[in-house]
Amino acid sequence: MPTSAHLPPCEWTQIDDGPWETGCGHLFEFNEGGPTENGATFCPYCGKRIDATAGQPQSEGGEGPVAPGPTPDTPPSPAVAHYTPTPKET
């Protein structure tokens, strides 16, 4: 049985400083920061390892990522999930 290390990652792309679009067709929003800053390693929807840097095409002027558009094979997400990290005990 393959492990998550053998599966392609779930590519996450942030949309205009708002929610993150997952490679598996969902939206996820953090209260602060992104997947890396919040220690998110695996996608809560598909279970694959998160790749928050892949899948961010540059705009024609090279001014940063372009928000992805809808694709015919990706169903719209019914809701945006929110994640609030639990403070670490010291």
Protein backbone atom coordinates (compact mmCIF):
# COMPACT_ATOMS: atom_id res chain seq x y z
CA MET A 1 0.00 0.00 0.00
CA PRO A 2 1.49 3.38 -0.97
CA THR A 3 2.23 5.89 1.75
CA SER A 4 1.73 9.65 1.50
CA ALA A 5 5.43 9.98 0.64
CA HIS A 6 4.73 8.14 -2.65
CA LEU A 7 1.65 10.17 -3.60
CA PRO A 8 1.79 13.49 -5.42
CA PRO A 9 1.19 16.39 -3.01
CA CYS A 10 -2.04 18.34 -2.70
CA GLU A 11 -1.09 21.73 -4.13
CA TRP A 12 -2.51 24.69 -2.18
CA THR A 13 -2.73 28.18 -3.69
CA GLN A 14 -3.76 31.27 -1.75
CA ILE A 15 -6.42 33.41 -3.38
CA ASP A 16 -5.83 37.17 -2.98
CA ASP A 17 -4.61 37.01 0.66
CA GLY A 18 -7.76 35.08 1.56
CA PRO A 19 -8.63 31.39 1.57
CA TRP A 20 -6.38 28.69 0.13
CA GLU A 21 -7.65 26.63 -2.79
CA THR A 22 -6.65 22.99 -2.37
CA GLY A 23 -5.57 20.76 -5.22
CA CYS A 24 -8.47 18.45 -4.39
CA GLY A 25 -11.11 21.13 -4.97
CA HIS A 26 -11.80 22.67 -1.56
CA LEU A 27 -11.17 26.02 0.11
CA PHE A 28 -9.45 26.36 3.48
CA GLU A 29 -8.90 29.59 5.42
CA PHE A 30 -6.49 30.20 8.28
CA ASN A 31 -7.14 32.94 10.84
CA GLU A 32 -3.50 34.02 10.52
CA GLY A 33 -0.66 32.90 8.25
CA GLY A 34 -0.78 29.90 5.95
CA PRO A 35 -0.14 26.17 6.04
CA THR A 36 3.56 26.50 6.90
CA GLU A 37 3.06 29.05 9.69
CA ASN A 38 0.30 26.93 11.23
CA GLY A 39 2.11 23.59 11.01
CA ALA A 40 -0.41 22.11 8.55
CA THR A 41 1.32 19.17 6.86
CA PHE A 42 -1.50 17.07 5.43
CA CYS A 43 -4.67 18.11 3.58
CA PRO A 44 -7.72 17.51 5.79
CA TYR A 45 -9.78 16.61 2.71
CA CYS A 46 -7.64 14.14 0.73
CA GLY A 47 -4.92 13.25 3.26
CA LYS A 48 -2.03 14.03 0.90
CA ARG A 49 0.98 16.07 1.99
CA ILE A 50 0.39 19.82 1.44
CA ASP A 51 2.59 21.65 -1.09
CA ALA A 52 1.84 25.34 -0.53
CA THR A 53 4.40 26.57 -3.04
CA ALA A 54 3.53 24.52 -6.14
CA GLY A 55 0.77 25.49 -8.51
CA GLN A 56 1.24 29.26 -8.21
CA PRO A 57 1.55 30.54 -11.78
CA GLN A 58 3.08 34.00 -12.16
CA SER A 59 1.08 36.80 -13.74
CA GLU A 60 2.26 38.04 -17.14
CA GLY A 61 4.05 41.00 -15.55
CA GLY A 62 5.81 38.77 -13.01
CA GLU A 63 3.99 40.54 -10.19
CA GLY A 64 3.13 37.45 -8.19
CA PRO A 65 0.78 34.47 -8.25
CA VAL A 66 -2.36 34.45 -10.34
CA ALA A 67 -5.51 33.22 -8.62
CA PRO A 68 -6.58 29.95 -10.25
CA GLY A 69 -9.83 29.86 -12.14
CA PRO A 70 -12.46 27.15 -11.98
CA THR A 71 -11.78 23.98 -13.93
CA PRO A 72 -14.45 21.78 -15.48
CA ASP A 73 -13.31 18.67 -13.59
CA THR A 74 -13.16 20.29 -10.12
CA PRO A 75 -16.50 20.62 -8.32
CA PRO A 76 -17.07 23.84 -6.37
CA SER A 77 -16.37 23.71 -2.67
CA PRO A 78 -19.50 23.76 -0.50
CA ALA A 79 -17.86 25.74 2.29
CA VAL A 80 -14.62 27.23 3.53
CA ALA A 81 -13.06 25.46 6.52
CA HIS A 82 -11.40 27.54 9.21
CA TYR A 83 -8.43 26.49 11.29
CA THR A 84 -7.42 28.00 14.60
CA PRO A 85 -4.10 26.65 15.88
CA THR A 86 -3.90 25.48 19.46
CA PRO A 87 -1.28 27.44 21.43
CA LYS A 88 1.75 25.36 22.33
CA GLU A 89 2.39 24.85 26.01
CA THR A 90 5.78 26.01 27.23
